[in-house]
């Protein structure tokens, strides 16, 4: 799909105007600036979403009205994300989770029901949200023991996009819950996920024994 030549025939002039501001040189910071200018406009969001383009869909997510994100709407968004590349669809779901789904009790409850969803993207959102609760310093949820059992039983055979979020959750459980730390480290050793994978300078490796050790030491050094 050529993002520069996406059709705007069926869009309003308002949507066409914002669509014309977004091209292959647009950065995520630019998308956020445009969203700040628009604020909330669910109708415009749905028009931008209908462009099928990645960056306009990121913008659409930022200006959606969370009150209108019903289960049916979220199922449609999930289905539409499947047309994107692996990285794009993961980023779209992560962006939706962080900027919309965590903002209301209704959508949090929906997200918390996705643990065993047939959709890999929804399962990813479930696990990424569990990780986010921990790394943002929220009170430790009371479901940690159940989550760890599920991680031990299922992480090795999960889809790659879900596996990453599950691994991330296990990492933060290991960092913040000392009584589960050894189990999380052993889980990483058993699965071998991300062992030896190179990461950018300044980033923590995803391999659980390394991730947990480094992040725990960071907190001990403060």
N, C-alpha and C. Protein backbone atom coordinates (compact mmCIF):
# COMPACT_ATOMS: atom_id res chain seq x y z
N UNK A 1 0.83 -1.19 0.00
CA UNK A 1 0.00 0.00 0.00
C UNK A 1 0.87 1.25 0.00
N UNK A 2 0.63 2.16 -0.89
CA UNK A 2 1.38 3.40 -0.96
C UNK A 2 0.70 4.44 -0.11
N UNK A 3 1.30 4.79 1.02
CA UNK A 3 0.65 5.70 1.95
C UNK A 3 0.49 7.10 1.35
N UNK A 4 1.34 7.46 0.41
CA UNK A 4 1.26 8.80 -0.16
C UNK A 4 0.13 8.94 -1.17
N UNK A 5 -0.39 7.81 -1.66
CA UNK A 5 -1.43 7.86 -2.68
C UNK A 5 -2.75 7.26 -2.22
N UNK A 6 -2.96 7.19 -0.90
CA UNK A 6 -4.20 6.62 -0.39
C UNK A 6 -5.38 7.48 -0.83
N UNK A 7 -6.47 6.82 -1.20
CA UNK A 7 -7.63 7.55 -1.68
C UNK A 7 -8.30 8.35 -0.57
N UNK A 8 -8.78 9.54 -0.91
CA UNK A 8 -9.50 10.37 0.04
C UNK A 8 -10.88 10.72 -0.51
N UNK A 9 -11.29 10.00 -1.55
CA UNK A 9 -12.53 10.34 -2.24
C UNK A 9 -13.74 10.32 -1.31
N UNK A 10 -13.80 9.39 -0.39
CA UNK A 10 -14.98 9.23 0.45
C UNK A 10 -14.85 9.89 1.81
N UNK A 11 -13.79 10.66 2.00
CA UNK A 11 -13.57 11.32 3.28
C UNK A 11 -14.04 12.76 3.25
N UNK A 12 -14.40 13.30 4.41
CA UNK A 12 -14.78 14.70 4.51
C UNK A 12 -13.56 15.57 4.24
N UNK A 13 -13.81 16.84 3.96
CA UNK A 13 -12.70 17.76 3.71
C UNK A 13 -11.82 17.89 4.95
N UNK A 14 -12.44 17.81 6.14
CA UNK A 14 -11.67 17.89 7.39
C UNK A 14 -10.71 16.72 7.50
N UNK A 15 -11.22 15.52 7.24
CA UNK A 15 -10.37 14.33 7.30
C UNK A 15 -9.30 14.38 6.22
N UNK A 16 -9.68 14.81 5.02
CA UNK A 16 -8.73 14.91 3.93
C UNK A 16 -7.61 15.88 4.24
N UNK A 17 -7.95 16.95 4.94
CA UNK A 17 -6.95 17.95 5.31
C UNK A 17 -5.90 17.36 6.25
N UNK A 18 -6.37 16.66 7.26
CA UNK A 18 -5.41 16.06 8.20
C UNK A 18 -4.64 14.92 7.55
N UNK A 19 -5.30 14.17 6.69
CA UNK A 19 -4.63 13.08 6.00
C UNK A 19 -3.50 13.61 5.13
N UNK A 20 -3.71 14.77 4.53
CA UNK A 20 -2.69 15.35 3.65
C UNK A 20 -1.47 15.83 4.42
N UNK A 21 -1.62 16.00 5.74
CA UNK A 21 -0.50 16.46 6.57
C UNK A 21 0.43 15.32 6.97
N UNK A 22 0.00 14.08 6.69
CA UNK A 22 0.75 12.91 7.14
C UNK A 22 1.35 12.19 5.94
N UNK A 23 2.66 11.99 5.97
CA UNK A 23 3.33 11.27 4.88
C UNK A 23 4.45 10.42 5.46
N UNK A 24 5.28 9.88 4.61
CA UNK A 24 6.32 8.96 5.06
C UNK A 24 7.39 9.64 5.92
N UNK A 25 7.42 10.97 5.90
CA UNK A 25 8.40 11.70 6.71
C UNK A 25 7.84 12.11 8.08
N UNK A 26 6.56 11.84 8.31
CA UNK A 26 5.93 12.22 9.57
C UNK A 26 6.45 11.35 10.71
N UNK A 27 6.77 11.97 11.82
CA UNK A 27 7.27 11.26 13.00
C UNK A 27 6.13 11.08 14.01
N UNK A 28 6.34 10.19 14.97
CA UNK A 28 5.32 9.97 15.99
C UNK A 28 5.05 11.24 16.79
N UNK A 29 6.09 12.02 17.02
CA UNK A 29 5.91 13.29 17.72
C UNK A 29 5.01 14.23 16.94
N UNK A 30 5.11 14.21 15.61
CA UNK A 30 4.24 15.03 14.78
C UNK A 30 2.80 14.57 14.91
N UNK A 31 2.60 13.25 14.95
CA UNK A 31 1.25 12.70 15.09
C UNK A 31 0.63 13.17 16.40
N UNK A 32 1.43 13.15 17.45
CA UNK A 32 0.93 13.60 18.76
C UNK A 32 0.58 15.09 18.74
N UNK A 33 1.37 15.88 18.04
CA UNK A 33 1.09 17.32 17.95
C UNK A 33 -0.23 17.57 17.24
N UNK A 34 -0.46 16.84 16.16
CA UNK A 34 -1.72 16.98 15.42
C UNK A 34 -2.89 16.56 16.30
N UNK A 35 -2.72 15.48 17.05
CA UNK A 35 -3.78 15.01 17.94
C UNK A 35 -4.09 16.04 19.02
N UNK A 36 -3.06 16.69 19.52
CA UNK A 36 -3.26 17.72 20.54
C UNK A 36 -4.07 18.88 19.98
N UNK A 37 -3.85 19.19 18.73
CA UNK A 37 -4.60 20.26 18.06
C UNK A 37 -6.08 19.86 17.90
N UNK A 38 -6.31 18.60 17.54
CA UNK A 38 -7.68 18.13 17.31
C UNK A 38 -8.42 17.88 18.63
N UNK A 39 -7.73 17.37 19.62
CA UNK A 39 -8.30 16.90 20.88
C UNK A 39 -9.12 15.64 20.64
N UNK A 40 -10.42 15.64 20.97
CA UNK A 40 -11.22 14.44 20.81
C UNK A 40 -12.25 14.64 19.70
N UNK A 41 -12.26 13.72 18.75
CA UNK A 41 -13.22 13.80 17.64
C UNK A 41 -13.39 12.40 17.07
N UNK A 42 -14.37 11.67 17.62
CA UNK A 42 -14.51 10.26 17.28
C UNK A 42 -14.90 10.05 15.81
N UNK A 43 -15.74 10.92 15.29
CA UNK A 43 -16.14 10.78 13.88
C UNK A 43 -14.94 10.95 12.97
N UNK A 44 -14.13 11.97 13.25
CA UNK A 44 -12.92 12.18 12.47
C UNK A 44 -11.98 10.98 12.63
N UNK A 45 -11.89 10.46 13.85
CA UNK A 45 -11.03 9.29 14.11
C UNK A 45 -11.42 8.12 13.21
N UNK A 46 -12.72 7.88 13.12
CA UNK A 46 -13.17 6.75 12.30
C UNK A 46 -12.91 6.99 10.81
N UNK A 47 -13.00 8.24 10.38
CA UNK A 47 -12.67 8.55 8.99
C UNK A 47 -11.19 8.32 8.72
N UNK A 48 -10.34 8.79 9.62
CA UNK A 48 -8.90 8.59 9.45
C UNK A 48 -8.57 7.10 9.49
N UNK A 49 -9.24 6.37 10.37
CA UNK A 49 -9.02 4.93 10.46
C UNK A 49 -9.36 4.25 9.14
N UNK A 50 -10.42 4.73 8.47
CA UNK A 50 -10.86 4.11 7.23
C UNK A 50 -9.88 4.30 6.08
N UNK A 51 -8.88 5.17 6.26
CA UNK A 51 -7.85 5.37 5.23
C UNK A 51 -6.98 4.13 5.06
N UNK A 52 -6.97 3.25 6.08
CA UNK A 52 -6.18 2.02 6.10
C UNK A 52 -4.68 2.28 6.21
N UNK A 53 -4.29 3.52 6.45
CA UNK A 53 -2.87 3.87 6.55
C UNK A 53 -2.42 3.83 8.00
N UNK A 54 -1.16 3.44 8.18
CA UNK A 54 -0.62 3.22 9.53
C UNK A 54 -0.59 4.49 10.38
N UNK A 55 0.08 5.53 9.92
CA UNK A 55 0.20 6.75 10.73
C UNK A 55 -1.15 7.43 10.97
N UNK A 56 -2.01 7.55 9.95
CA UNK A 56 -3.34 8.10 10.24
C UNK A 56 -4.12 7.26 11.25
N UNK A 57 -3.89 5.96 11.24
CA UNK A 57 -4.57 5.13 12.24
C UNK A 57 -4.01 5.37 13.64
N UNK A 58 -2.72 5.66 13.76
CA UNK A 58 -2.17 6.04 15.05
C UNK A 58 -2.81 7.34 15.53
N UNK A 59 -2.96 8.29 14.62
CA UNK A 59 -3.62 9.55 14.96
C UNK A 59 -5.07 9.30 15.37
N UNK A 60 -5.74 8.45 14.62
CA UNK A 60 -7.14 8.14 14.93
C UNK A 60 -7.28 7.62 16.35
N UNK A 61 -6.37 6.74 16.75
CA UNK A 61 -6.43 6.17 18.10
C UNK A 61 -6.35 7.27 19.15
N UNK A 62 -5.51 8.26 18.93
CA UNK A 62 -5.32 9.33 19.91
C UNK A 62 -6.55 10.19 20.10
N UNK A 63 -7.38 10.33 19.07
CA UNK A 63 -8.52 11.25 19.16
C UNK A 63 -9.86 10.52 19.30
N UNK A 64 -9.84 9.21 19.48
CA UNK A 64 -11.08 8.46 19.69
C UNK A 64 -11.71 8.83 21.03
N UNK A 65 -13.02 8.64 21.10
CA UNK A 65 -13.76 8.83 22.35
C UNK A 65 -13.85 7.47 23.03
N UNK A 66 -13.20 7.33 24.18
CA UNK A 66 -13.16 6.02 24.86
C UNK A 66 -14.54 5.51 25.23
N UNK A 67 -15.51 6.44 25.41
CA UNK A 67 -16.87 6.02 25.76
C UNK A 67 -17.53 5.25 24.62
N UNK A 68 -17.04 5.43 23.40
CA UNK A 68 -17.64 4.79 22.24
C UNK A 68 -16.90 3.52 21.81
N UNK A 69 -15.91 3.12 22.60
CA UNK A 69 -15.14 1.93 22.26
C UNK A 69 -15.80 0.69 22.86
N UNK A 70 -16.89 0.28 22.22
CA UNK A 70 -17.62 -0.91 22.64
C UNK A 70 -16.84 -2.17 22.25
N UNK A 71 -17.31 -3.30 22.73
CA UNK A 71 -16.66 -4.56 22.37
C UNK A 71 -16.69 -4.78 20.86
N UNK A 72 -17.83 -4.45 20.22
CA UNK A 72 -17.96 -4.61 18.77
C UNK A 72 -16.97 -3.72 18.02
N UNK A 73 -16.83 -2.47 18.48
CA UNK A 73 -15.89 -1.54 17.83
C UNK A 73 -14.47 -2.06 17.97
N UNK A 74 -14.13 -2.54 19.15
CA UNK A 74 -12.76 -3.04 19.37
C UNK A 74 -12.48 -4.29 18.54
N UNK A 75 -13.49 -5.12 18.35
CA UNK A 75 -13.32 -6.29 17.49
C UNK A 75 -13.04 -5.85 16.05
N UNK A 76 -13.74 -4.81 15.61
CA UNK A 76 -13.52 -4.29 14.25
C UNK A 76 -12.12 -3.70 14.12
N UNK A 77 -11.69 -2.94 15.11
CA UNK A 77 -10.34 -2.36 15.06
C UNK A 77 -9.29 -3.47 15.02
N UNK A 78 -9.48 -4.49 15.83
CA UNK A 78 -8.56 -5.63 15.85
C UNK A 78 -8.51 -6.28 14.47
N UNK A 79 -9.67 -6.52 13.88
CA UNK A 79 -9.72 -7.13 12.55
C UNK A 79 -9.01 -6.27 11.51
N UNK A 80 -9.21 -4.97 11.57
CA UNK A 80 -8.57 -4.05 10.61
C UNK A 80 -7.05 -4.04 10.77
N UNK A 81 -6.57 -4.21 12.00
CA UNK A 81 -5.12 -4.20 12.23
C UNK A 81 -4.43 -5.37 11.53
N UNK A 82 -5.17 -6.43 11.26
CA UNK A 82 -4.58 -7.61 10.65
C UNK A 82 -4.05 -7.35 9.24
N UNK A 83 -4.47 -6.25 8.62
CA UNK A 83 -4.00 -5.93 7.27
C UNK A 83 -2.60 -5.34 7.28
N UNK A 84 -2.09 -4.99 8.45
CA UNK A 84 -0.78 -4.34 8.56
C UNK A 84 0.34 -5.37 8.74
N UNK A 85 1.56 -4.90 8.61
CA UNK A 85 2.71 -5.75 8.86
C UNK A 85 2.75 -6.15 10.33
N UNK A 86 3.57 -7.14 10.65
CA UNK A 86 3.69 -7.64 12.02
C UNK A 86 3.99 -6.51 13.00
N UNK A 87 5.01 -5.71 12.72
CA UNK A 87 5.39 -4.64 13.64
C UNK A 87 4.32 -3.56 13.72
N UNK A 88 3.72 -3.22 12.59
CA UNK A 88 2.70 -2.16 12.59
C UNK A 88 1.49 -2.56 13.40
N UNK A 89 1.02 -3.78 13.22
CA UNK A 89 -0.20 -4.17 13.95
C UNK A 89 0.07 -4.28 15.45
N UNK A 90 1.28 -4.72 15.82
CA UNK A 90 1.62 -4.74 17.25
C UNK A 90 1.66 -3.33 17.81
N UNK A 91 2.26 -2.41 17.06
CA UNK A 91 2.34 -1.02 17.51
C UNK A 91 0.96 -0.38 17.62
N UNK A 92 0.08 -0.70 16.68
CA UNK A 92 -1.28 -0.16 16.73
C UNK A 92 -2.01 -0.65 17.98
N UNK A 93 -1.91 -1.93 18.29
CA UNK A 93 -2.57 -2.45 19.48
C UNK A 93 -1.95 -1.89 20.75
N UNK A 94 -0.63 -1.78 20.79
CA UNK A 94 0.03 -1.22 21.96
C UNK A 94 -0.37 0.24 22.17
N UNK A 95 -0.47 0.99 21.07
CA UNK A 95 -0.86 2.41 21.11
C UNK A 95 -2.31 2.51 21.61
N UNK A 96 -3.18 1.62 21.12
CA UNK A 96 -4.58 1.60 21.55
C UNK A 96 -4.66 1.28 23.04
N UNK A 97 -3.89 0.30 23.48
CA UNK A 97 -3.89 -0.07 24.88
C UNK A 97 -3.47 1.11 25.76
N UNK A 98 -2.35 1.72 25.43
CA UNK A 98 -1.79 2.77 26.27
C UNK A 98 -2.61 4.06 26.26
N UNK A 99 -3.15 4.40 25.09
CA UNK A 99 -3.80 5.70 24.95
C UNK A 99 -5.31 5.69 25.11
N UNK A 100 -5.92 4.51 25.06
CA UNK A 100 -7.37 4.43 25.19
C UNK A 100 -7.85 3.38 26.19
N UNK A 101 -7.39 2.15 26.02
CA UNK A 101 -7.97 1.06 26.80
C UNK A 101 -7.70 1.17 28.30
N UNK A 102 -6.62 1.84 28.67
CA UNK A 102 -6.30 1.97 30.10
C UNK A 102 -7.02 3.16 30.74
N UNK A 103 -7.83 3.88 29.95
CA UNK A 103 -8.39 5.14 30.43
C UNK A 103 -9.78 5.03 31.04
N UNK A 104 -10.42 3.88 30.95
CA UNK A 104 -11.74 3.75 31.56
C UNK A 104 -11.91 2.35 32.14
N UNK A 105 -12.76 2.26 33.16
CA UNK A 105 -13.00 0.97 33.81
C UNK A 105 -13.62 -0.03 32.84
N UNK A 106 -14.47 0.47 31.94
CA UNK A 106 -15.15 -0.41 30.99
C UNK A 106 -14.15 -1.09 30.06
N UNK A 107 -13.22 -0.30 29.50
CA UNK A 107 -12.27 -0.89 28.56
C UNK A 107 -11.19 -1.69 29.28
N UNK A 108 -10.86 -1.32 30.50
CA UNK A 108 -9.93 -2.14 31.29
C UNK A 108 -10.55 -3.51 31.54
N UNK A 109 -11.84 -3.52 31.88
CA UNK A 109 -12.52 -4.80 32.12
C UNK A 109 -12.53 -5.66 30.86
N UNK A 110 -12.76 -5.02 29.71
CA UNK A 110 -12.72 -5.76 28.45
C UNK A 110 -11.34 -6.35 28.22
N UNK A 111 -10.31 -5.51 28.42
CA UNK A 111 -8.94 -5.95 28.20
C UNK A 111 -8.58 -7.11 29.13
N UNK A 112 -9.07 -7.05 30.36
CA UNK A 112 -8.76 -8.10 31.32
C UNK A 112 -9.49 -9.41 31.01
N UNK A 113 -10.45 -9.35 30.07
CA UNK A 113 -11.14 -10.56 29.66
C UNK A 113 -10.47 -11.23 28.46
N UNK A 114 -9.37 -10.66 27.99
CA UNK A 114 -8.73 -11.13 26.76
C UNK A 114 -7.61 -12.14 26.98
N UNK A 115 -7.45 -12.61 28.19
CA UNK A 115 -6.33 -13.52 28.49
C UNK A 115 -6.34 -14.73 27.56
N UNK A 116 -7.52 -15.27 27.27
CA UNK A 116 -7.63 -16.45 26.42
C UNK A 116 -8.38 -16.15 25.12
N UNK A 117 -8.31 -14.90 24.69
CA UNK A 117 -8.98 -14.49 23.46
C UNK A 117 -8.41 -15.25 22.26
N UNK A 118 -9.26 -15.55 21.24
CA UNK A 118 -8.73 -16.16 20.02
C UNK A 118 -7.83 -15.21 19.24
N UNK A 119 -7.90 -13.92 19.55
CA UNK A 119 -7.06 -12.92 18.86
C UNK A 119 -5.71 -12.78 19.56
N UNK A 120 -4.64 -13.00 18.82
CA UNK A 120 -3.30 -12.83 19.38
C UNK A 120 -3.06 -11.40 19.83
N UNK A 121 -3.59 -10.43 19.08
CA UNK A 121 -3.40 -9.03 19.46
C UNK A 121 -4.10 -8.71 20.77
N UNK A 122 -5.27 -9.29 20.99
CA UNK A 122 -5.97 -9.06 22.24
C UNK A 122 -5.23 -9.73 23.40
N UNK A 123 -4.70 -10.92 23.17
CA UNK A 123 -3.91 -11.57 24.22
C UNK A 123 -2.66 -10.74 24.52
N UNK A 124 -2.06 -10.18 23.48
CA UNK A 124 -0.89 -9.30 23.69
C UNK A 124 -1.27 -8.12 24.57
N UNK A 125 -2.43 -7.51 24.28
CA UNK A 125 -2.86 -6.35 25.07
C UNK A 125 -3.09 -6.74 26.53
N UNK A 126 -3.69 -7.91 26.75
CA UNK A 126 -3.90 -8.38 28.13
C UNK A 126 -2.58 -8.44 28.88
N UNK A 127 -1.60 -9.11 28.28
CA UNK A 127 -0.33 -9.31 28.98
C UNK A 127 0.48 -8.02 29.09
N UNK A 128 0.43 -7.20 28.05
CA UNK A 128 1.18 -5.94 28.10
C UNK A 128 0.61 -5.04 29.20
N UNK A 129 -0.71 -5.08 29.36
CA UNK A 129 -1.34 -4.28 30.42
C UNK A 129 -0.90 -4.78 31.79
N UNK A 130 -0.80 -6.10 31.98
CA UNK A 130 -0.35 -6.63 33.26
C UNK A 130 1.08 -6.19 33.56
N UNK A 131 1.92 -6.17 32.52
CA UNK A 131 3.30 -5.69 32.70
C UNK A 131 3.29 -4.21 33.06
N UNK A 132 2.45 -3.46 32.37
CA UNK A 132 2.39 -2.00 32.56
C UNK A 132 1.97 -1.65 34.00
N UNK A 133 1.04 -2.41 34.56
CA UNK A 133 0.63 -2.16 35.94
C UNK A 133 1.82 -2.22 36.89
N UNK A 134 2.73 -3.13 36.60
CA UNK A 134 3.87 -3.32 37.48
C UNK A 134 4.98 -2.30 37.22
N UNK A 135 5.31 -2.07 35.92
CA UNK A 135 6.43 -1.17 35.68
C UNK A 135 6.08 0.28 35.94
N UNK A 136 4.79 0.62 35.97
CA UNK A 136 4.41 2.00 36.30
C UNK A 136 4.28 2.21 37.81
N UNK A 137 4.58 1.16 38.58
CA UNK A 137 4.63 1.32 40.03
C UNK A 137 3.28 1.26 40.71
N UNK A 138 2.27 0.72 40.00
CA UNK A 138 0.96 0.57 40.63
C UNK A 138 1.05 -0.48 41.75
N UNK A 139 0.09 -0.43 42.66
CA UNK A 139 0.04 -1.43 43.72
C UNK A 139 0.05 -2.81 43.09
N UNK A 140 0.86 -3.69 43.61
CA UNK A 140 0.98 -5.02 43.01
C UNK A 140 -0.37 -5.72 42.98
N UNK A 141 -0.85 -6.09 41.79
CA UNK A 141 -2.15 -6.77 41.68
C UNK A 141 -2.13 -8.10 42.41
N UNK A 142 -3.35 -8.57 42.78
CA UNK A 142 -3.44 -9.82 43.54
C UNK A 142 -3.53 -11.05 42.64
N UNK A 143 -3.31 -10.86 41.35
CA UNK A 143 -3.41 -12.00 40.43
C UNK A 143 -2.05 -12.54 40.02
N UNK A 144 -0.99 -12.11 40.70
CA UNK A 144 0.37 -12.45 40.28
C UNK A 144 0.61 -13.96 40.25
N UNK A 145 0.18 -14.67 41.27
CA UNK A 145 0.42 -16.12 41.34
C UNK A 145 -0.26 -16.83 40.16
N UNK A 146 -1.49 -16.43 39.87
CA UNK A 146 -2.21 -17.05 38.75
C UNK A 146 -1.55 -16.73 37.42
N UNK A 147 -1.10 -15.48 37.27
CA UNK A 147 -0.44 -15.08 36.03
C UNK A 147 0.85 -15.88 35.82
N UNK A 148 1.61 -16.04 36.89
CA UNK A 148 2.88 -16.74 36.77
C UNK A 148 2.66 -18.21 36.39
N UNK A 149 1.62 -18.81 36.94
CA UNK A 149 1.30 -20.19 36.57
C UNK A 149 0.93 -20.28 35.09
N UNK A 150 0.18 -19.29 34.60
CA UNK A 150 -0.20 -19.26 33.18
C UNK A 150 1.03 -19.04 32.30
N UNK A 151 1.93 -18.20 32.76
CA UNK A 151 3.17 -17.95 32.00
C UNK A 151 4.00 -19.23 31.90
N UNK A 152 4.13 -19.93 33.00
CA UNK A 152 4.92 -21.17 33.00
C UNK A 152 4.29 -22.24 32.10
N UNK A 153 2.97 -22.24 32.04
CA UNK A 153 2.28 -23.28 31.26
C UNK A 153 2.22 -22.96 29.77
N UNK A 154 2.16 -21.67 29.42
CA UNK A 154 1.80 -21.31 28.04
C UNK A 154 2.81 -20.47 27.27
N UNK A 155 3.75 -19.82 27.94
CA UNK A 155 4.57 -18.83 27.25
C UNK A 155 5.41 -19.44 26.12
N UNK A 156 5.95 -20.63 26.33
CA UNK A 156 6.86 -21.23 25.35
C UNK A 156 6.21 -21.46 24.00
N UNK A 157 4.90 -21.75 23.99
CA UNK A 157 4.24 -22.08 22.73
C UNK A 157 3.34 -20.97 22.19
N UNK A 158 3.38 -19.79 22.79
CA UNK A 158 2.52 -18.70 22.34
C UNK A 158 3.01 -18.09 21.03
N UNK A 159 2.12 -17.30 20.40
CA UNK A 159 2.50 -16.55 19.20
C UNK A 159 3.56 -15.52 19.57
N UNK A 160 4.49 -15.20 18.66
CA UNK A 160 5.60 -14.30 18.99
C UNK A 160 5.17 -12.95 19.56
N UNK A 161 4.09 -12.37 19.01
CA UNK A 161 3.67 -11.06 19.50
C UNK A 161 3.12 -11.12 20.92
N UNK A 162 2.55 -12.28 21.29
CA UNK A 162 2.04 -12.46 22.65
C UNK A 162 3.19 -12.84 23.57
N UNK A 163 4.07 -13.67 23.06
CA UNK A 163 5.23 -14.14 23.82
C UNK A 163 6.03 -12.96 24.39
N UNK A 164 6.23 -11.95 23.55
CA UNK A 164 7.02 -10.79 24.02
C UNK A 164 6.35 -10.13 25.22
N UNK A 165 5.02 -9.93 25.14
CA UNK A 165 4.30 -9.27 26.23
C UNK A 165 4.28 -10.14 27.48
N UNK A 166 4.15 -11.45 27.30
CA UNK A 166 4.19 -12.36 28.44
C UNK A 166 5.56 -12.32 29.11
N UNK A 167 6.61 -12.34 28.30
CA UNK A 167 7.97 -12.28 28.81
C UNK A 167 8.19 -10.98 29.58
N UNK A 168 7.63 -9.88 29.05
CA UNK A 168 7.76 -8.57 29.69
C UNK A 168 7.08 -8.58 31.06
N UNK A 169 5.90 -9.21 31.12
CA UNK A 169 5.20 -9.32 32.39
C UNK A 169 6.01 -10.15 33.39
N UNK A 170 6.54 -11.28 32.93
CA UNK A 170 7.37 -12.11 33.81
C UNK A 170 8.57 -11.35 34.33
N UNK A 171 9.15 -10.51 33.47
CA UNK A 171 10.28 -9.70 33.87
C UNK A 171 9.96 -8.77 35.02
N UNK A 172 8.84 -8.07 34.90
CA UNK A 172 8.49 -7.11 35.95
C UNK A 172 7.97 -7.79 37.20
N UNK A 173 7.36 -8.95 37.06
CA UNK A 173 7.02 -9.72 38.26
C UNK A 173 8.31 -10.07 39.00
N UNK A 174 9.30 -10.52 38.27
CA UNK A 174 10.57 -10.89 38.88
C UNK A 174 11.28 -9.72 39.54
N UNK A 175 11.12 -8.55 38.96
CA UNK A 175 11.76 -7.36 39.53
C UNK A 175 11.08 -6.91 40.82
N UNK A 176 9.76 -6.87 40.81
CA UNK A 176 9.02 -6.26 41.92
C UNK A 176 8.51 -7.25 42.96
N UNK A 177 8.43 -8.55 42.63
CA UNK A 177 7.94 -9.54 43.58
C UNK A 177 9.06 -10.52 43.90
N UNK A 178 9.78 -10.22 44.97
CA UNK A 178 10.97 -11.01 45.29
C UNK A 178 10.65 -12.48 45.51
N UNK A 179 9.46 -12.78 46.06
CA UNK A 179 9.14 -14.18 46.33
C UNK A 179 8.95 -15.00 45.05
N UNK A 180 8.70 -14.30 43.93
CA UNK A 180 8.54 -15.00 42.65
C UNK A 180 9.77 -14.87 41.74
N UNK A 181 10.79 -14.21 42.24
CA UNK A 181 11.93 -13.86 41.38
C UNK A 181 12.63 -15.09 40.81
N UNK A 182 12.90 -16.07 41.65
CA UNK A 182 13.60 -17.27 41.17
C UNK A 182 12.78 -18.01 40.11
N UNK A 183 11.47 -18.05 40.30
CA UNK A 183 10.61 -18.74 39.32
C UNK A 183 10.66 -18.02 37.97
N UNK A 184 10.68 -16.71 38.00
CA UNK A 184 10.73 -15.94 36.75
C UNK A 184 12.07 -16.14 36.04
N UNK A 185 13.14 -16.16 36.81
CA UNK A 185 14.46 -16.40 36.23
C UNK A 185 14.52 -17.81 35.62
N UNK A 186 14.00 -18.79 36.35
CA UNK A 186 14.00 -20.16 35.84
C UNK A 186 13.13 -20.30 34.59
N UNK A 187 12.05 -19.53 34.54
CA UNK A 187 11.19 -19.54 33.35
C UNK A 187 11.98 -19.06 32.13
N UNK A 188 12.77 -18.02 32.32
CA UNK A 188 13.60 -17.52 31.23
C UNK A 188 14.65 -18.53 30.80
N UNK A 189 15.26 -19.19 31.78
CA UNK A 189 16.27 -20.21 31.46
C UNK A 189 15.64 -21.39 30.71
N UNK A 190 14.43 -21.77 31.12
CA UNK A 190 13.76 -22.91 30.50
C UNK A 190 13.36 -22.62 29.06
N UNK A 191 12.76 -21.43 28.83
CA UNK A 191 12.29 -21.11 27.47
C UNK A 191 13.43 -20.65 26.57
N UNK A 192 14.45 -20.02 27.18
CA UNK A 192 15.57 -19.49 26.39
C UNK A 192 15.19 -18.31 25.51
N UNK A 193 14.00 -17.75 25.74
CA UNK A 193 13.54 -16.64 24.90
C UNK A 193 14.48 -15.43 25.00
N UNK A 194 14.89 -14.94 23.84
CA UNK A 194 15.69 -13.72 23.69
C UNK A 194 17.12 -13.85 24.24
N UNK A 195 17.53 -15.07 24.57
CA UNK A 195 18.90 -15.26 25.05
C UNK A 195 19.88 -14.92 23.93
N UNK A 196 20.84 -14.07 24.23
CA UNK A 196 21.85 -13.68 23.26
C UNK A 196 21.40 -12.64 22.25
N UNK A 197 20.15 -12.18 22.35
CA UNK A 197 19.66 -11.19 21.40
C UNK A 197 20.27 -9.83 21.70
N UNK A 198 20.81 -9.20 20.68
CA UNK A 198 21.43 -7.89 20.85
C UNK A 198 20.35 -6.82 21.05
N UNK A 199 20.65 -5.85 21.90
CA UNK A 199 19.72 -4.74 22.11
C UNK A 199 20.47 -3.43 21.92
N UNK A 200 19.73 -2.37 21.68
CA UNK A 200 20.33 -1.05 21.48
C UNK A 200 21.04 -0.60 22.76
N UNK A 201 22.05 0.24 22.58
CA UNK A 201 22.81 0.76 23.72
C UNK A 201 21.88 1.45 24.71
N UNK A 202 22.03 1.11 25.99
CA UNK A 202 21.21 1.71 27.03
C UNK A 202 19.92 0.95 27.31
N UNK A 203 19.62 -0.07 26.48
CA UNK A 203 18.40 -0.86 26.68
C UNK A 203 18.72 -2.13 27.46
N UNK A 204 17.74 -2.60 28.23
CA UNK A 204 17.91 -3.82 29.00
C UNK A 204 17.57 -5.03 28.14
N UNK A 205 18.40 -6.07 28.14
CA UNK A 205 18.08 -7.28 27.37
C UNK A 205 16.75 -7.88 27.81
N UNK A 206 16.04 -8.53 26.88
CA UNK A 206 14.75 -9.14 27.19
C UNK A 206 14.89 -10.51 27.85
N UNK A 207 16.06 -11.14 27.75
CA UNK A 207 16.27 -12.46 28.35
C UNK A 207 16.06 -12.34 29.85
N UNK A 208 15.11 -13.08 30.40
CA UNK A 208 14.66 -12.85 31.78
C UNK A 208 15.76 -12.86 32.84
N UNK A 209 16.69 -13.81 32.85
CA UNK A 209 17.73 -13.76 33.90
C UNK A 209 18.52 -12.44 33.86
N UNK A 210 18.81 -11.96 32.66
CA UNK A 210 19.54 -10.69 32.54
C UNK A 210 18.65 -9.51 32.87
N UNK A 211 17.45 -9.50 32.33
CA UNK A 211 16.52 -8.39 32.56
C UNK A 211 16.27 -8.18 34.05
N UNK A 212 15.94 -9.27 34.73
CA UNK A 212 15.59 -9.15 36.15
C UNK A 212 16.80 -8.72 36.98
N UNK A 213 17.94 -9.31 36.72
CA UNK A 213 19.15 -8.96 37.47
C UNK A 213 19.51 -7.49 37.29
N UNK A 214 19.49 -7.01 36.04
CA UNK A 214 19.85 -5.62 35.75
C UNK A 214 18.86 -4.65 36.38
N UNK A 215 17.56 -4.92 36.22
CA UNK A 215 16.55 -3.99 36.73
C UNK A 215 16.49 -3.99 38.26
N UNK A 216 16.72 -5.14 38.89
CA UNK A 216 16.78 -5.18 40.35
C UNK A 216 17.97 -4.38 40.85
N UNK A 217 19.13 -4.55 40.19
CA UNK A 217 20.33 -3.83 40.61
C UNK A 217 20.18 -2.32 40.44
N UNK A 218 19.48 -1.91 39.40
CA UNK A 218 19.22 -0.48 39.19
C UNK A 218 18.50 0.11 40.41
N UNK A 219 17.54 -0.64 40.92
CA UNK A 219 16.74 -0.15 42.04
C UNK A 219 17.52 -0.22 43.35
N UNK A 220 18.43 -1.15 43.47
CA UNK A 220 19.28 -1.24 44.67
C UNK A 220 20.30 -0.11 44.70
N UNK A 221 20.69 0.38 43.53
CA UNK A 221 21.71 1.43 43.45
C UNK A 221 21.16 2.82 43.72
N UNK A 222 19.82 2.95 43.72
CA UNK A 222 19.24 4.28 43.94
C UNK A 222 19.44 4.76 45.36
